[in-house]
């Protein structure tokens, strides 16, 4: 198969979809890999690294898209890339369709086969291609939140871990999944007083067992959230419904009950956000303030640490990419339920129900194509 790796062009997106090591694994199995020149530079991988691994370096994205049977990306295609995507071309990337209708409609019109990293799902409900970036984003959420709690950045002016004789900051984490657990782990390690909310009692029992003593667990409900936000210094939104829009757990009216300088970090922004006042921001302009509450809603947080993120992402995606390239998407998805659940749009039809429901679009059972 001919695989194309274009350079990411989203604001401050320095990740790349494939490392030189991943390239070599595909090439030695007989596949052709085209990589756009300088695509890996932001992650610390250079053109000569890819050439040594067997890739062909291509000058521009248009040529990559025109030649490739499978496109591997990190982030969803943006507007200037829509027209480059061909009918029947397999596009393997993060899409987060349910949060952005124009992208969904553009991919329907393209006639491409869209296989989304974020909905590839194992039988136990885990999301193997979302996990590595959720780990990065969860850990980063505390790093960024701690920074924006500083007074010059309009935060409360509180040190996350406090000092002897001074209480630490209170951190509220919404969601006990991968993002939430990683956020709680880092916040606890910095000495904060952490509360983590989730609906799943078994998950809370597990977290209660493995987390340090400065992490407390509570069952999530609106009443509890409304009470806890009043005293929280940093709130992390880390809830996820696979392939669907995130539920709005922090509503606009709750902001007025928070202390001035409270910081909200919405890691769920890719899926529409779990904070009602959230809107996607960029690394260039990461925050905005509503009712004296600082909102950090960067939609590609792991892009700020691209070396770590690119390695972690390729570690997870490469086995699936090898299977898709070796078997073709149809056979691979027939044999693998995990990959089949990753299919969102096929040749103009929406085959993932949560995406169809998000925009009242016609839903087609994926079995029609397999």
Protein backbone atom coordinates (compact mmCIF):
# COMPACT_ATOMS: atom_id res chain seq x y z
CA UNK A 1 0.00 0.00 0.00
CA UNK A 2 1.09 3.60 -0.57
CA UNK A 3 0.98 5.52 2.70
CA UNK A 4 1.13 9.31 2.87
CA UNK A 5 2.19 11.37 5.89
CA UNK A 6 1.49 15.09 5.35
CA UNK A 7 2.81 17.86 7.57
CA UNK A 8 0.31 18.97 10.22
CA UNK A 9 -0.89 22.53 9.66
CA UNK A 10 -3.16 23.18 12.64
CA UNK A 11 -2.02 26.08 14.85
CA UNK A 12 1.16 25.10 16.71
CA UNK A 13 0.68 21.43 15.91
CA UNK A 14 4.19 20.01 15.92
CA UNK A 15 3.33 16.32 16.09
CA UNK A 16 3.70 13.99 13.10
CA UNK A 17 1.70 10.82 12.46
CA UNK A 18 4.63 8.47 11.94
CA UNK A 19 8.17 8.28 13.33
CA UNK A 20 11.16 7.11 11.28
CA UNK A 21 11.02 3.83 13.26
CA UNK A 22 7.36 3.38 12.29
CA UNK A 23 8.25 4.19 8.70
CA UNK A 24 10.90 1.47 8.66
CA UNK A 25 8.43 -1.12 9.98
CA UNK A 26 6.01 -0.35 7.13
CA UNK A 27 8.72 -0.23 4.45
CA UNK A 28 10.24 -3.57 5.43
CA UNK A 29 6.80 -5.13 4.96
CA UNK A 30 6.77 -3.96 1.36
CA UNK A 31 4.75 -0.76 1.70
CA UNK A 32 5.65 2.62 0.19
CA UNK A 33 5.78 5.57 2.57
CA UNK A 34 5.67 9.16 1.32
CA UNK A 35 6.45 11.81 3.95
CA UNK A 36 6.11 15.54 3.34
CA UNK A 37 9.40 17.37 3.76
CA UNK A 38 9.95 18.83 7.26
CA UNK A 39 6.81 17.02 8.55
CA UNK A 40 8.75 15.60 11.50
CA UNK A 41 11.00 18.55 12.34
CA UNK A 42 8.70 19.89 15.06
CA UNK A 43 8.90 16.53 16.83
CA UNK A 44 12.66 16.26 16.49
CA UNK A 45 12.71 13.92 13.46
CA UNK A 46 14.45 15.13 10.32
CA UNK A 47 14.08 14.38 6.62
CA UNK A 48 17.32 12.37 6.54
CA UNK A 49 15.97 10.18 9.38
CA UNK A 50 12.96 9.28 7.26
CA UNK A 51 15.08 8.73 4.16
CA UNK A 52 17.33 6.31 6.06
CA UNK A 53 14.18 4.49 7.16
CA UNK A 54 13.13 4.08 3.52
CA UNK A 55 10.62 6.92 3.05
CA UNK A 56 10.30 9.05 -0.07
CA UNK A 57 10.30 12.74 0.81
CA UNK A 58 7.67 14.81 -1.01
CA UNK A 59 7.68 18.60 -1.36
CA UNK A 60 4.02 19.39 -0.75
CA UNK A 61 0.81 18.06 0.77
CA UNK A 62 -1.13 18.07 -2.50
CA UNK A 63 1.27 15.51 -3.97
CA UNK A 64 1.09 13.38 -0.81
CA UNK A 65 -2.72 13.27 -0.97
CA UNK A 66 -2.75 12.60 -4.71
CA UNK A 67 -0.45 9.57 -4.45
CA UNK A 68 -1.46 7.91 -1.19
CA UNK A 69 -3.99 5.14 -0.70
CA UNK A 70 -3.88 5.68 3.07
CA UNK A 71 -3.29 9.06 4.70
CA UNK A 72 -1.95 9.02 8.25
CA UNK A 73 -2.40 12.24 10.22
CA UNK A 74 -2.52 13.38 13.81
CA UNK A 75 -5.28 15.99 13.82
CA UNK A 76 -8.46 16.21 11.79
CA UNK A 77 -8.20 17.67 8.27
CA UNK A 78 -8.74 21.42 8.28
CA UNK A 79 -10.49 23.46 5.60
CA UNK A 80 -7.61 23.81 3.13
CA UNK A 81 -7.10 20.03 3.22
CA UNK A 82 -10.73 19.07 2.51
CA UNK A 83 -10.37 19.27 -1.27
CA UNK A 84 -7.17 17.22 -1.26
CA UNK A 85 -8.90 14.11 0.08
CA UNK A 86 -9.94 11.68 -2.65
CA UNK A 87 -12.85 9.29 -3.05
CA UNK A 88 -12.10 5.85 -1.54
CA UNK A 89 -8.92 7.15 0.13
CA UNK A 90 -8.44 5.80 3.66
CA UNK A 91 -7.82 8.62 6.16
CA UNK A 92 -6.54 7.39 9.53
CA UNK A 93 -6.40 10.17 12.13
CA UNK A 94 -8.17 11.84 15.06
CA UNK A 95 -11.42 13.24 13.66
CA UNK A 96 -13.69 14.08 16.65
CA UNK A 97 -16.54 14.47 14.17
CA UNK A 98 -19.30 15.03 16.74
CA UNK A 99 -17.79 18.37 17.76
CA UNK A 100 -17.65 19.96 14.29
CA UNK A 101 -20.36 19.63 11.65
CA UNK A 102 -18.48 21.30 8.72
CA UNK A 103 -15.73 18.65 8.96
CA UNK A 104 -18.31 15.86 9.05
CA UNK A 105 -20.08 17.18 5.96
CA UNK A 106 -16.81 17.75 4.11
CA UNK A 107 -15.72 14.16 4.70
CA UNK A 108 -19.13 12.89 3.59
CA UNK A 109 -18.75 14.88 0.36
CA UNK A 110 -15.20 13.62 -0.18
CA UNK A 111 -16.30 9.99 -0.50
CA UNK A 112 -13.30 8.93 1.58
CA UNK A 113 -13.10 6.17 4.19
CA UNK A 114 -12.62 7.90 7.55
CA UNK A 115 -11.22 5.75 10.34
CA UNK A 116 -10.99 7.70 13.58
CA UNK A 117 -8.31 6.97 16.16
CA UNK A 118 -10.62 8.05 18.97
CA UNK A 119 -13.34 5.43 18.32
CA UNK A 120 -11.12 2.38 17.81
CA UNK A 121 -12.37 0.40 20.80
CA UNK A 122 -11.40 -2.84 22.50
CA UNK A 123 -13.92 -5.34 23.82
CA UNK A 124 -13.37 -4.04 27.37
CA UNK A 125 -14.40 -0.54 26.28
CA UNK A 126 -10.88 0.91 26.35
CA UNK A 127 -9.77 3.24 23.55
CA UNK A 128 -6.20 2.22 22.68
CA UNK A 129 -5.47 5.07 20.25
CA UNK A 130 -6.92 7.74 22.50
CA UNK A 131 -5.13 6.54 25.65
CA UNK A 132 -1.60 7.85 24.90
CA UNK A 133 -2.79 11.37 24.06
CA UNK A 134 -5.19 11.32 27.01
CA UNK A 135 -2.25 10.43 29.25
CA UNK A 136 -0.28 13.38 27.86
CA UNK A 137 -3.24 15.79 28.04
CA UNK A 138 -4.18 14.71 31.57
CA UNK A 139 -0.66 15.33 32.85
CA UNK A 140 -0.37 18.58 30.91
CA UNK A 141 -3.68 19.86 32.29
CA UNK A 142 -2.11 20.19 35.73
CA UNK A 143 1.11 21.67 34.35
CA UNK A 144 -0.87 24.34 32.48
CA UNK A 145 -3.42 24.82 35.25
CA UNK A 146 -0.68 25.43 37.81
CA UNK A 147 0.84 28.06 35.52
CA UNK A 148 -2.42 29.91 34.93
CA UNK A 149 -3.15 30.01 38.66
CA UNK A 150 -0.34 32.58 38.83
CA UNK A 151 -1.53 36.16 39.40
CA UNK A 152 0.21 37.73 36.36
CA UNK A 153 -1.79 35.27 34.23
CA UNK A 154 -5.05 36.31 35.96
CA UNK A 155 -5.23 33.29 38.26
CA UNK A 156 -5.86 33.29 42.00
CA UNK A 157 -2.18 33.61 42.79
CA UNK A 158 -2.00 30.29 44.59
CA UNK A 159 0.82 27.75 44.54
CA UNK A 160 -0.58 24.32 43.70
CA UNK A 161 1.28 22.46 46.45
CA UNK A 162 1.28 25.22 49.03
CA UNK A 163 4.20 25.48 51.50
CA UNK A 164 4.59 24.49 55.17
CA UNK A 165 2.03 26.49 57.12
CA UNK A 166 -0.03 27.34 54.01
CA UNK A 167 -2.73 25.07 52.60
CA UNK A 168 -2.26 23.69 49.06
CA UNK A 169 -4.62 24.45 46.20
CA UNK A 170 -7.84 22.47 45.76
CA UNK A 171 -8.05 20.61 42.47
CA UNK A 172 -11.35 19.18 41.20
CA UNK A 173 -11.10 16.54 38.47
CA UNK A 174 -14.25 15.66 36.52
CA UNK A 175 -13.97 12.11 35.22
CA UNK A 176 -11.94 9.21 36.53
CA UNK A 177 -10.82 7.84 33.16
CA UNK A 178 -7.36 8.11 31.62
CA UNK A 179 -7.32 11.92 31.56
CA UNK A 180 -8.68 12.25 35.07
CA UNK A 181 -6.41 9.62 36.61
CA UNK A 182 -3.31 11.16 35.05
CA UNK A 183 -4.36 14.66 36.10
CA UNK A 184 -5.01 13.51 39.66
CA UNK A 185 -1.68 11.68 39.80
CA UNK A 186 0.32 14.77 38.78
CA UNK A 187 -1.70 17.17 40.97
CA UNK A 188 -1.27 14.86 43.96
CA UNK A 189 2.44 14.58 43.27
CA UNK A 190 2.71 18.36 43.37
CA UNK A 191 1.04 18.34 46.78
CA UNK A 192 -2.44 19.61 45.87
CA UNK A 193 -5.65 18.60 47.64
CA UNK A 194 -7.39 16.60 44.88
CA UNK A 195 -10.99 15.44 44.49
CA UNK A 196 -11.88 13.20 41.55
CA UNK A 197 -15.49 12.60 40.46
CA UNK A 198 -16.88 9.73 38.41
CA UNK A 199 -20.18 7.88 37.94
CA UNK A 200 -18.61 4.42 38.05
CA UNK A 201 -18.29 3.12 41.62
CA UNK A 202 -15.92 0.34 40.59
CA UNK A 203 -13.63 2.89 38.97
CA UNK A 204 -13.76 5.03 42.10
CA UNK A 205 -12.87 2.02 44.25
CA UNK A 206 -9.86 1.35 42.03
CA UNK A 207 -8.73 4.98 42.14
CA UNK A 208 -9.18 5.06 45.90
CA UNK A 209 -6.85 2.06 46.16
CA UNK A 210 -4.07 3.31 43.89
CA UNK A 211 -4.04 7.06 44.48
CA UNK A 212 -2.11 8.74 47.32
CA UNK A 213 -3.93 9.94 50.42
CA UNK A 214 -4.33 13.52 49.16
CA UNK A 215 -6.72 12.27 46.43
CA UNK A 216 -10.36 11.87 47.44
CA UNK A 217 -13.04 10.16 45.37
CA UNK A 218 -16.71 11.10 45.09
CA UNK A 219 -19.67 10.05 42.98
CA UNK A 220 -20.44 12.64 40.32
CA UNK A 221 -23.79 14.42 40.22
CA UNK A 222 -24.94 18.00 39.65
CA UNK A 223 -25.45 18.76 43.34
CA UNK A 224 -21.93 17.66 44.27
CA UNK A 225 -20.36 19.53 41.35
CA UNK A 226 -22.20 22.73 42.29
CA UNK A 227 -20.90 22.50 45.86
CA UNK A 228 -17.31 21.62 45.00
CA UNK A 229 -16.74 24.32 42.35
CA UNK A 230 -17.26 27.02 44.96
CA UNK A 231 -13.98 26.14 46.69
CA UNK A 232 -11.94 24.68 43.84
CA UNK A 233 -8.89 26.58 42.62
CA UNK A 234 -8.31 24.43 39.53
CA UNK A 235 -10.98 22.38 37.73
CA UNK A 236 -10.06 19.76 35.12
CA UNK A 237 -12.71 18.56 32.65
CA UNK A 238 -11.81 15.05 31.56
CA UNK A 239 -15.07 13.29 30.68
CA UNK A 240 -15.58 11.33 27.49
CA UNK A 241 -18.43 9.62 25.67
CA UNK A 242 -16.72 7.73 22.80
CA UNK A 243 -17.43 9.40 19.47
CA UNK A 244 -20.15 11.66 20.91
CA UNK A 245 -20.33 15.16 22.34
CA UNK A 246 -19.18 15.51 25.92
CA UNK A 247 -21.91 16.26 28.51
CA UNK A 248 -21.92 19.82 29.91
CA UNK A 249 -21.07 19.31 33.57
CA UNK A 250 -20.01 22.90 34.36
CA UNK A 251 -22.79 25.29 33.37
CA UNK A 252 -22.59 29.03 32.80
CA UNK A 253 -24.41 29.88 36.02
CA UNK A 254 -21.86 27.90 38.08
CA UNK A 255 -19.13 30.37 37.09
CA UNK A 256 -20.70 33.06 39.26
CA UNK A 257 -20.29 30.84 42.33
CA UNK A 258 -16.55 30.34 41.73
CA UNK A 259 -13.86 32.52 43.25
CA UNK A 260 -12.22 35.08 40.94
CA UNK A 261 -9.10 33.60 39.38
CA UNK A 262 -10.32 30.01 39.42
CA UNK A 263 -8.83 28.14 36.45
CA UNK A 264 -10.80 25.73 34.22
CA UNK A 265 -8.93 23.34 31.91
CA UNK A 266 -11.31 21.56 29.52
CA UNK A 267 -9.47 18.55 28.10
CA UNK A 268 -12.77 17.41 26.53
CA UNK A 269 -12.78 20.39 24.15
CA UNK A 270 -12.03 18.08 21.18
CA UNK A 271 -15.45 16.52 21.74
CA UNK A 272 -17.29 19.80 22.29
CA UNK A 273 -16.16 20.36 25.88
CA UNK A 274 -17.71 19.47 29.24
CA UNK A 275 -17.77 23.13 30.32
CA UNK A 276 -20.65 25.13 28.83
CA UNK A 277 -18.57 28.28 28.37
CA UNK A 278 -15.73 26.40 26.67
CA UNK A 279 -14.68 27.21 23.11
CA UNK A 280 -11.59 25.83 21.39
CA UNK A 281 -8.44 27.92 21.80
CA UNK A 282 -4.88 27.56 20.48
CA UNK A 283 -1.40 27.38 21.98
CA UNK A 284 -0.88 30.87 20.53
CA UNK A 285 -3.86 32.30 22.42
CA UNK A 286 -4.74 29.61 25.00
CA UNK A 287 -7.03 31.34 27.51
CA UNK A 288 -10.01 33.63 27.86
CA UNK A 289 -11.86 34.94 30.90
CA UNK A 290 -15.58 34.85 31.67
CA UNK A 291 -16.92 36.07 35.03
CA UNK A 292 -13.32 36.38 36.30
CA UNK A 293 -12.77 32.64 35.68
CA UNK A 294 -9.80 31.68 33.49
CA UNK A 295 -10.64 29.17 30.73
CA UNK A 296 -7.85 27.09 29.16
CA UNK A 297 -9.39 25.18 26.23
CA UNK A 298 -6.56 24.31 23.82
CA UNK A 299 -7.84 21.68 21.40
CA UNK A 300 -4.46 20.05 20.73
CA UNK A 301 -2.73 20.15 24.10
CA UNK A 302 -0.27 17.29 23.36
CA UNK A 303 0.99 19.29 20.37
CA UNK A 304 2.96 21.41 22.85
CA UNK A 305 5.14 18.42 23.79
CA UNK A 306 5.50 16.87 20.32
CA UNK A 307 8.54 14.68 20.90
CA UNK A 308 6.83 12.78 23.72
CA UNK A 309 3.44 12.83 22.00
CA UNK A 310 4.62 11.62 18.58
CA UNK A 311 6.49 8.66 20.07
CA UNK A 312 3.54 7.75 22.31
CA UNK A 313 1.07 8.03 19.42
CA UNK A 314 3.10 5.94 16.97
CA UNK A 315 3.61 3.27 19.64
CA UNK A 316 -0.18 2.88 19.72
CA UNK A 317 -1.17 3.42 16.07
CA UNK A 318 1.57 1.47 14.27
CA UNK A 319 0.19 -2.07 14.81
CA UNK A 320 -3.18 -0.92 13.42
CA UNK A 321 -1.54 0.94 10.51
CA UNK A 322 0.45 -2.19 9.60
CA UNK A 323 -2.74 -4.25 9.61
CA UNK A 324 -4.64 -1.73 7.49
CA UNK A 325 -1.79 -1.44 5.00
CA UNK A 326 -1.23 -5.19 4.76
CA UNK A 327 -4.87 -6.30 4.54
CA UNK A 328 -6.65 -3.24 3.18
CA UNK A 329 -9.22 -1.41 5.30
CA UNK A 330 -12.14 -3.66 4.40
CA UNK A 331 -10.56 -7.00 5.30
CA UNK A 332 -8.84 -5.53 8.35
CA UNK A 333 -12.14 -4.15 9.65
CA UNK A 334 -14.00 -7.38 8.88
CA UNK A 335 -11.53 -9.31 11.01
CA UNK A 336 -11.02 -6.74 13.78
CA UNK A 337 -13.94 -5.40 15.80
CA UNK A 338 -11.58 -2.77 17.25
CA UNK A 339 -10.84 -1.30 13.82
CA UNK A 340 -14.45 -1.69 12.67
CA UNK A 341 -15.57 0.58 15.51
CA UNK A 342 -13.08 3.16 14.24
CA UNK A 343 -14.99 3.56 10.98
CA UNK A 344 -17.03 6.80 11.10
CA UNK A 345 -17.70 7.79 7.48
CA UNK A 346 -17.51 5.54 4.42
CA UNK A 347 -18.05 6.75 0.86
CA UNK A 348 -20.48 9.49 1.79
CA UNK A 349 -22.37 7.66 4.53
CA UNK A 350 -22.10 8.02 8.31
CA UNK A 351 -21.53 4.61 9.91
CA UNK A 352 -20.96 5.70 13.52
CA UNK A 353 -24.26 6.31 15.29
CA UNK A 354 -23.09 8.95 17.77
CA UNK A 355 -21.85 11.11 14.87
CA UNK A 356 -25.12 10.70 12.96
CA UNK A 357 -27.10 11.57 16.09
CA UNK A 358 -24.99 14.68 16.78
CA UNK A 359 -26.13 16.35 13.54
CA UNK A 360 -29.37 14.47 12.74
CA UNK A 361 -27.74 12.75 9.78
CA UNK A 362 -28.77 9.45 8.22
CA UNK A 363 -27.05 6.51 9.91
CA UNK A 364 -25.93 3.50 7.87
CA UNK A 365 -24.89 0.22 9.48
CA UNK A 366 -21.22 -0.41 8.77
CA UNK A 367 -22.11 -3.99 7.75
CA UNK A 368 -23.31 -2.58 4.42
CA UNK A 369 -19.68 -2.01 3.43
CA UNK A 370 -18.11 -5.16 4.90
